[in-house]
PDB file of N, CA and C in Angstrom:
ATOM      1  N   MET A   1       0.851  -1.172   0.000  1.00  0.00           N
ATOM      2  CA  MET A   1       0.000   0.000   0.000  1.00  0.00           C
ATOM      3  C   MET A   1       0.898   1.236   0.000  1.00  0.00           C
ATOM      4  N   GLY A   2       0.687   2.094  -0.943  1.00  0.00           N
ATOM      5  CA  GLY A   2       1.490   3.293  -1.041  1.00  0.00           C
ATOM      6  C   GLY A   2       0.899   4.453  -0.263  1.00  0.00           C
ATOM      7  N   PHE A   3       1.664   5.517  -0.232  1.00  0.00           N
ATOM      8  CA  PHE A   3       1.237   6.712   0.493  1.00  0.00           C
ATOM      9  C   PHE A   3      -0.005   7.320  -0.145  1.00  0.00           C
ATOM     10  N   TRP A   4      -0.083   7.300  -1.470  1.00  0.00           N
ATOM     11  CA  TRP A   4      -1.245   7.854  -2.164  1.00  0.00           C
ATOM     12  C   TRP A   4      -2.516   7.070  -1.808  1.00  0.00           C
ATOM     13  N   ALA A   5      -2.422   5.765  -1.740  1.00  0.00           N
ATOM     14  CA  ALA A   5      -3.582   4.949  -1.367  1.00  0.00           C
ATOM     15  C   ALA A   5      -3.997   5.230   0.077  1.00  0.00           C
ATOM     16  N   PHE A   6      -3.022   5.472   0.942  1.00  0.00           N
ATOM     17  CA  PHE A   6      -3.316   5.820   2.332  1.00  0.00           C
ATOM     18  C   PHE A   6      -4.069   7.146   2.403  1.00  0.00           C
ATOM     19  N   LEU A   7      -3.626   8.143   1.633  1.00  0.00           N
ATOM     20  CA  LEU A   7      -4.313   9.434   1.602  1.00  0.00           C
ATOM     21  C   LEU A   7      -5.731   9.306   1.038  1.00  0.00           C
ATOM     22  N   GLU A   8      -5.897   8.468   0.022  1.00  0.00           N
ATOM     23  CA  GLU A   8      -7.235   8.239  -0.520  1.00  0.00           C
ATOM     24  C   GLU A   8      -8.149   7.591   0.522  1.00  0.00           C
ATOM     25  N   GLY A   9      -7.605   6.684   1.297  1.00  0.00           N
ATOM     26  CA  GLY A   9      -8.380   6.047   2.357  1.00  0.00           C
ATOM     27  C   GLY A   9      -8.828   7.042   3.417  1.00  0.00           C
ATOM     28  N   ILE A  10      -7.939   7.950   3.791  1.00  0.00           N
ATOM     29  CA  ILE A  10      -8.302   8.990   4.755  1.00  0.00           C
ATOM     30  C   ILE A  10      -9.381   9.894   4.178  1.00  0.00           C
ATOM     31  N   LEU A  11      -9.270  10.234   2.897  1.00  0.00           N
ATOM     32  CA  LEU A  11     -10.278  11.067   2.248  1.00  0.00           C
ATOM     33  C   LEU A  11     -11.630  10.359   2.200  1.00  0.00           C
ATOM     34  N   LEU A  12     -11.637   9.082   1.895  1.00  0.00           N
ATOM     35  CA  LEU A  12     -12.886   8.323   1.882  1.00  0.00           C
ATOM     36  C   LEU A  12     -13.511   8.257   3.274  1.00  0.00           C
ATOM     37  N   PHE A  13     -12.674   8.094   4.301  1.00  0.00           N
ATOM     38  CA  PHE A  13     -13.182   8.073   5.669  1.00  0.00           C
ATOM     39  C   PHE A  13     -13.784   9.426   6.045  1.00  0.00           C
ATOM     40  N   ALA A  14     -13.118  10.521   5.680  1.00  0.00           N
ATOM     41  CA  ALA A  14     -13.644  11.862   5.964  1.00  0.00           C
ATOM     42  C   ALA A  14     -14.953  12.092   5.221  1.00  0.00           C
ATOM     43  N   ASN A  15     -15.043  11.589   3.992  1.00  0.00           N
ATOM     44  CA  ASN A  15     -16.302  11.706   3.246  1.00  0.00           C
ATOM     45  C   ASN A  15     -17.433  10.961   3.946  1.00  0.00           C
ATOM     46  N   SER A  16     -17.127   9.787   4.460  1.00  0.00           N
ATOM     47  CA  SER A  16     -18.168   9.005   5.127  1.00  0.00           C
ATOM     48  C   SER A  16     -18.636   9.691   6.403  1.00  0.00           C
ATOM     49  N   MET A  17     -17.756  10.371   7.101  1.00  0.00           N
ATOM     50  CA  MET A  17     -18.149  11.109   8.307  1.00  0.00           C
ATOM     51  C   MET A  17     -18.957  12.353   7.951  1.00  0.00           C
ATOM     52  N   ALA A  18     -18.631  12.974   6.821  1.00  0.00           N
ATOM     53  CA  ALA A  18     -19.282  14.227   6.442  1.00  0.00           C
ATOM     54  C   ALA A  18     -20.721  14.032   5.987  1.00  0.00           C
ATOM     55  N   ILE A  19     -21.065  12.839   5.490  1.00  0.00           N
ATOM     56  CA  ILE A  19     -22.414  12.658   4.962  1.00  0.00           C
ATOM     57  C   ILE A  19     -23.399  12.139   5.993  1.00  0.00           C
ATOM     58  N   LEU A  20     -22.935  11.868   7.227  1.00  0.00           N
ATOM     59  CA  LEU A  20     -23.855  11.383   8.248  1.00  0.00           C
ATOM     60  C   LEU A  20     -24.852  12.476   8.610  1.00  0.00           C
ATOM     61  N   ASN A  21     -26.130  12.147   8.585  1.00  0.00           N
ATOM     62  CA  ASN A  21     -27.183  13.089   8.908  1.00  0.00           C
ATOM     63  C   ASN A  21     -27.408  13.094  10.418  1.00  0.00           C
ATOM     64  N   GLU A  22     -27.323  14.278  11.020  1.00  0.00           N
ATOM     65  CA  GLU A  22     -27.438  14.360  12.473  1.00  0.00           C
ATOM     66  C   GLU A  22     -28.843  14.017  12.952  1.00  0.00           C
ATOM     67  N   ASP A  23     -29.865  14.469  12.247  1.00  0.00           N
ATOM     68  CA  ASP A  23     -31.238  14.224  12.697  1.00  0.00           C
ATOM     69  C   ASP A  23     -31.658  12.770  12.531  1.00  0.00           C
ATOM     70  N   ARG A  24     -31.294  12.170  11.419  1.00  0.00           N
ATOM     71  CA  ARG A  24     -31.751  10.800  11.142  1.00  0.00           C
ATOM     72  C   ARG A  24     -30.855   9.719  11.719  1.00  0.00           C
ATOM     73  N   PHE A  25     -29.570   9.961  11.754  1.00  0.00           N
ATOM     74  CA  PHE A  25     -28.643   8.897  12.142  1.00  0.00           C
ATOM     75  C   PHE A  25     -28.008   9.120  13.513  1.00  0.00           C
ATOM     76  N   LEU A  26     -27.505  10.317  13.765  1.00  0.00           N
ATOM     77  CA  LEU A  26     -26.734  10.545  14.975  1.00  0.00           C
ATOM     78  C   LEU A  26     -27.598  10.786  16.214  1.00  0.00           C
ATOM     79  N   ALA A  27     -28.645  11.579  16.091  1.00  0.00           N
ATOM     80  CA  ALA A  27     -29.471  11.927  17.260  1.00  0.00           C
ATOM     81  C   ALA A  27     -30.150  10.720  17.906  1.00  0.00           C
ATOM     82  N   PRO A  28     -30.740   9.795  17.155  1.00  0.00           N
ATOM     83  CA  PRO A  28     -31.365   8.643  17.820  1.00  0.00           C
ATOM     84  C   PRO A  28     -30.371   7.772  18.587  1.00  0.00           C
ATOM     85  N   ARG A  29     -29.111   7.850  18.252  1.00  0.00           N
ATOM     86  CA  ARG A  29     -28.102   7.035  18.923  1.00  0.00           C
ATOM     87  C   ARG A  29     -27.372   7.799  20.028  1.00  0.00           C
ATOM     88  N   GLY A  30     -27.729   9.088  20.213  1.00  0.00           N
ATOM     89  CA  GLY A  30     -27.099   9.891  21.255  1.00  0.00           C
ATOM     90  C   GLY A  30     -25.722  10.407  20.897  1.00  0.00           C
ATOM     91  N   TRP A  31     -25.482  10.669  19.627  1.00  0.00           N
ATOM     92  CA  TRP A  31     -24.163  11.101  19.163  1.00  0.00           C
ATOM     93  C   TRP A  31     -24.180  12.554  18.677  1.00  0.00           C
ATOM     94  N   THR A  32     -24.826  13.454  19.416  1.00  0.00           N
ATOM     95  CA  THR A  32     -24.852  14.860  19.043  1.00  0.00           C
ATOM     96  C   THR A  32     -24.013  15.666  20.029  1.00  0.00           C
ATOM     97  N   LEU A  33     -23.577  16.848  19.602  1.00  0.00           N
ATOM     98  CA  LEU A  33     -22.776  17.706  20.471  1.00  0.00           C
ATOM     99  C   LEU A  33     -23.589  18.205  21.655  1.00  0.00           C
ATOM    100  N   SER A  34     -24.879  18.379  21.467  1.00  0.00           N
ATOM    101  CA  SER A  34     -25.708  18.890  22.555  1.00  0.00           C
ATOM    102  C   SER A  34     -25.841  17.896  23.709  1.00  0.00           C
ATOM    103  N   GLU A  35     -25.622  16.628  23.447  1.00  0.00           N
ATOM    104  CA  GLU A  35     -25.739  15.617  24.496  1.00  0.00           C
ATOM    105  C   GLU A  35     -24.452  15.432  25.291  1.00  0.00           C
ATOM    106  N   LEU A  36     -23.377  16.039  24.834  1.00  0.00           N
ATOM    107  CA  LEU A  36     -22.112  15.955  25.581  1.00  0.00           C
ATOM    108  C   LEU A  36     -22.103  17.011  26.672  1.00  0.00           C
ATOM    109  N   GLN A  37     -21.613  16.628  27.831  1.00  0.00           N
ATOM    110  CA  GLN A  37     -21.525  17.568  28.939  1.00  0.00           C
ATOM    111  C   GLN A  37     -20.174  17.423  29.614  1.00  0.00           C
ATOM    112  N   GLY A  38     -19.545  18.540  29.905  1.00  0.00           N
ATOM    113  CA  GLY A  38     -18.332  18.598  30.710  1.00  0.00           C
ATOM    114  C   GLY A  38     -17.266  17.570  30.404  1.00  0.00           C
ATOM    115  N   ARG A  39     -17.129  16.590  31.272  1.00  0.00           N
ATOM    116  CA  ARG A  39     -16.051  15.611  31.171  1.00  0.00           C
ATOM    117  C   ARG A  39     -16.201  14.662  29.992  1.00  0.00           C
ATOM    118  N   THR A  40     -17.399  14.446  29.539  1.00  0.00           N
ATOM    119  CA  THR A  40     -17.582  13.461  28.468  1.00  0.00           C
ATOM    120  C   THR A  40     -16.993  13.932  27.141  1.00  0.00           C
ATOM    121  N   ARG A  41     -16.635  15.200  27.043  1.00  0.00           N
ATOM    122  CA  ARG A  41     -16.001  15.678  25.807  1.00  0.00           C
ATOM    123  C   ARG A  41     -14.617  15.075  25.619  1.00  0.00           C
ATOM    124  N   ASN A  42     -13.991  14.687  26.696  1.00  0.00           N
ATOM    125  CA  ASN A  42     -12.646  14.105  26.603  1.00  0.00           C
ATOM    126  C   ASN A  42     -12.680  12.589  26.479  1.00  0.00           C
ATOM    127  N   SER A  43     -13.855  12.004  26.537  1.00  0.00           N
ATOM    128  CA  SER A  43     -13.961  10.553  26.400  1.00  0.00           C
ATOM    129  C   SER A  43     -13.809  10.160  24.930  1.00  0.00           C
ATOM    130  N   LEU A  44     -13.717   8.866  24.686  1.00  0.00           N
ATOM    131  CA  LEU A  44     -13.597   8.376  23.311  1.00  0.00           C
ATOM    132  C   LEU A  44     -14.828   8.755  22.493  1.00  0.00           C
ATOM    133  N   LYS A  45     -16.011   8.592  23.098  1.00  0.00           N
ATOM    134  CA  LYS A  45     -17.249   8.959  22.403  1.00  0.00           C
ATOM    135  C   LYS A  45     -17.262  10.452  22.070  1.00  0.00           C
ATOM    136  N   GLY A  46     -16.810  11.281  23.002  1.00  0.00           N
ATOM    137  CA  GLY A  46     -16.755  12.717  22.761  1.00  0.00           C
ATOM    138  C   GLY A  46     -15.787  13.082  21.655  1.00  0.00           C
ATOM    139  N   GLN A  47     -14.660  12.392  21.589  1.00  0.00           N
ATOM    140  CA  GLN A  47     -13.680  12.643  20.536  1.00  0.00           C
ATOM    141  C   GLN A  47     -14.226  12.239  19.168  1.00  0.00           C
ATOM    142  N   ILE A  48     -14.939  11.123  19.119  1.00  0.00           N
ATOM    143  CA  ILE A  48     -15.525  10.669  17.857  1.00  0.00           C
ATOM    144  C   ILE A  48     -16.603  11.635  17.393  1.00  0.00           C
ATOM    145  N   ILE A  49     -17.441  12.105  18.329  1.00  0.00           N
ATOM    146  CA  ILE A  49     -18.477  13.077  17.977  1.00  0.00           C
ATOM    147  C   ILE A  49     -17.832  14.357  17.453  1.00  0.00           C
ATOM    148  N   GLY A  50     -16.756  14.796  18.076  1.00  0.00           N
ATOM    149  CA  GLY A  50     -16.033  15.975  17.601  1.00  0.00           C
ATOM    150  C   GLY A  50     -15.464  15.770  16.208  1.00  0.00           C
ATOM    151  N   LEU A  51     -14.941  14.578  15.935  1.00  0.00           N
ATOM    152  CA  LEU A  51     -14.415  14.270  14.601  1.00  0.00           C
ATOM    153  C   LEU A  51     -15.516  14.299  13.549  1.00  0.00           C
ATOM    154  N   VAL A  52     -16.672  13.735  13.875  1.00  0.00           N
ATOM    155  CA  VAL A  52     -17.803  13.736  12.934  1.00  0.00           C
ATOM    156  C   VAL A  52     -18.231  15.160  12.629  1.00  0.00           C
ATOM    157  N   HIS A  53     -18.337  15.991  13.640  1.00  0.00           N
ATOM    158  CA  HIS A  53     -18.768  17.371  13.409  1.00  0.00           C
ATOM    159  C   HIS A  53     -17.696  18.197  12.699  1.00  0.00           C
ATOM    160  N   ALA A  54     -16.435  17.905  12.944  1.00  0.00           N
ATOM    161  CA  ALA A  54     -15.367  18.595  12.221  1.00  0.00           C
ATOM    162  C   ALA A  54     -15.410  18.246  10.735  1.00  0.00           C
ATOM    163  N   CYS A  55     -15.656  16.975  10.422  1.00  0.00           N
ATOM    164  CA  CYS A  55     -15.765  16.560   9.020  1.00  0.00           C
ATOM    165  C   CYS A  55     -16.974  17.202   8.356  1.00  0.00           C
ATOM    166  N   GLN A  56     -18.081  17.327   9.091  1.00  0.00           N
ATOM    167  CA  GLN A  56     -19.264  17.958   8.533  1.00  0.00           C
ATOM    168  C   GLN A  56     -19.038  19.445   8.307  1.00  0.00           C
ATOM    169  N   PHE A  57     -18.270  20.069   9.182  1.00  0.00           N
ATOM    170  CA  PHE A  57     -17.964  21.497   9.049  1.00  0.00           C
ATOM    171  C   PHE A  57     -17.060  21.763   7.852  1.00  0.00           C
ATOM    172  N   MET A  58     -16.180  20.825   7.528  1.00  0.00           N
ATOM    173  CA  MET A  58     -15.197  21.003   6.461  1.00  0.00           C
ATOM    174  C   MET A  58     -15.661  20.393   5.139  1.00  0.00           C
ATOM    175  N   ARG A  59     -16.924  20.506   4.829  1.00  0.00           N
ATOM    176  CA  ARG A  59     -17.442  19.895   3.592  1.00  0.00           C
ATOM    177  C   ARG A  59     -16.877  20.538   2.332  1.00  0.00           C
ATOM    178  N   LEU A  60     -16.749  21.852   2.304  1.00  0.00           N
ATOM    179  CA  LEU A  60     -16.236  22.518   1.101  1.00  0.00           C
ATOM    180  C   LEU A  60     -14.796  22.098   0.796  1.00  0.00           C
ATOM    181  N   PRO A  61     -13.879  22.092   1.768  1.00  0.00           N
ATOM    182  CA  PRO A  61     -12.542  21.578   1.453  1.00  0.00           C
ATOM    183  C   PRO A  61     -12.555  20.111   1.030  1.00  0.00           C
ATOM    184  N   LEU A  62     -13.463  19.313   1.595  1.00  0.00           N
ATOM    185  CA  LEU A  62     -13.565  17.911   1.166  1.00  0.00           C
ATOM    186  C   LEU A  62     -13.995  17.811  -0.290  1.00  0.00           C
ATOM    187  N   ILE A  63     -14.908  18.659  -0.694  1.00  0.00           N
ATOM    188  CA  ILE A  63     -15.349  18.664  -2.095  1.00  0.00           C
ATOM    189  C   ILE A  63     -14.176  19.003  -3.008  1.00  0.00           C
ATOM    190  N   LEU A  64     -13.397  20.011  -2.616  1.00  0.00           N
ATOM    191  CA  LEU A  64     -12.245  20.403  -3.426  1.00  0.00           C
ATOM    192  C   LEU A  64     -11.200  19.291  -3.480  1.00  0.00           C
ATOM    193  N   LEU A  65     -10.938  18.642  -2.349  1.00  0.00           N
ATOM    194  CA  LEU A  65      -9.991  17.527  -2.348  1.00  0.00           C
ATOM    195  C   LEU A  65     -10.482  16.369  -3.208  1.00  0.00           C
ATOM    196  N   ASN A  66     -11.776  16.103  -3.177  1.00  0.00           N
ATOM    197  CA  ASN A  66     -12.331  15.049  -4.025  1.00  0.00           C
ATOM    198  C   ASN A  66     -12.148  15.372  -5.500  1.00  0.00           C
ATOM    199  N   ILE A  67     -12.356  16.617  -5.864  1.00  0.00           N
ATOM    200  CA  ILE A  67     -12.166  17.023  -7.263  1.00  0.00           C
ATOM    201  C   ILE A  67     -10.709  16.848  -7.670  1.00  0.00           C
ATOM    202  N   ILE A  68      -9.785  17.234  -6.803  1.00  0.00           N
ATOM    203  CA  ILE A  68      -8.364  17.082  -7.098  1.00  0.00           C
ATOM    204  C   ILE A  68      -8.001  15.615  -7.270  1.00  0.00           C
ATOM    205  N   VAL A  69      -8.497  14.766  -6.378  1.00  0.00           N
ATOM    206  CA  VAL A  69      -8.194  13.331  -6.463  1.00  0.00           C
ATOM    207  C   VAL A  69      -8.776  12.737  -7.748  1.00  0.00           C
ATOM    208  N   ILE A  70      -9.974  13.137  -8.116  1.00  0.00           N
ATOM    209  CA  ILE A  70     -10.596  12.631  -9.337  1.00  0.00           C
ATOM    210  C   ILE A  70      -9.776  13.036 -10.565  1.00  0.00           C
ATOM    211  N   ILE A  71      -9.340  14.281 -10.609  1.00  0.00           N
ATOM    212  CA  ILE A  71      -8.542  14.758 -11.736  1.00  0.00           C
ATOM    213  C   ILE A  71      -7.206  14.005 -11.814  1.00  0.00           C
ATOM    214  N   VAL A  72      -6.554  13.819 -10.678  1.00  0.00           N
ATOM    215  CA  VAL A  72      -5.275  13.088 -10.653  1.00  0.00           C
ATOM    216  C   VAL A  72      -5.485  11.658 -11.123  1.00  0.00           C
ATOM    217  N   LYS A  73      -6.563  11.018 -10.652  1.00  0.00           N
ATOM    218  CA  LYS A  73      -6.848   9.644 -11.064  1.00  0.00           C
ATOM    219  C   LYS A  73      -7.156   9.558 -12.554  1.00  0.00           C
ATOM    220  N   LEU A  74      -7.824  10.562 -13.100  1.00  0.00           N
ATOM    221  CA  LEU A  74      -8.119  10.568 -14.538  1.00  0.00           C
ATOM    222  C   LEU A  74      -6.853  10.651 -15.376  1.00  0.00           C
ATOM    223  N   PHE A  75      -5.884  11.453 -14.938  1.00  0.00           N
ATOM    224  CA  PHE A  75      -4.685  11.651 -15.728  1.00  0.00           C
ATOM    225  C   PHE A  75      -3.600  10.606 -15.469  1.00  0.00           C
ATOM    226  N   TYR A  76      -3.497  10.132 -14.237  1.00  0.00           N
ATOM    227  CA  TYR A  76      -2.404   9.233 -13.890  1.00  0.00           C
ATOM    228  C   TYR A  76      -2.830   7.808 -13.560  1.00  0.00           C
ATOM    229  N   GLY A  77      -4.120   7.571 -13.558  1.00  0.00           N
ATOM    230  CA  GLY A  77      -4.592   6.207 -13.361  1.00  0.00           C
ATOM    231  C   GLY A  77      -4.582   5.817 -11.978  1.00  0.00           C
TER     232      GLY A  77
END
């Protein structure tokens, strides 16, 4: 596995976090920022919730990175 494949994997993971719908998927399972209080922000669950919301916040850069990866794949295979 090369470095480029590793970066593509990270991009795919960020894409999967960015498309999660908070109302339909996250809220029924208790994975919203509003349900975190005080100390639970430093827990593993709190860190994962923060990662999901960070990916959702960074949707525009993810779109641009996806376009760049698609163009590179088109030209270089």
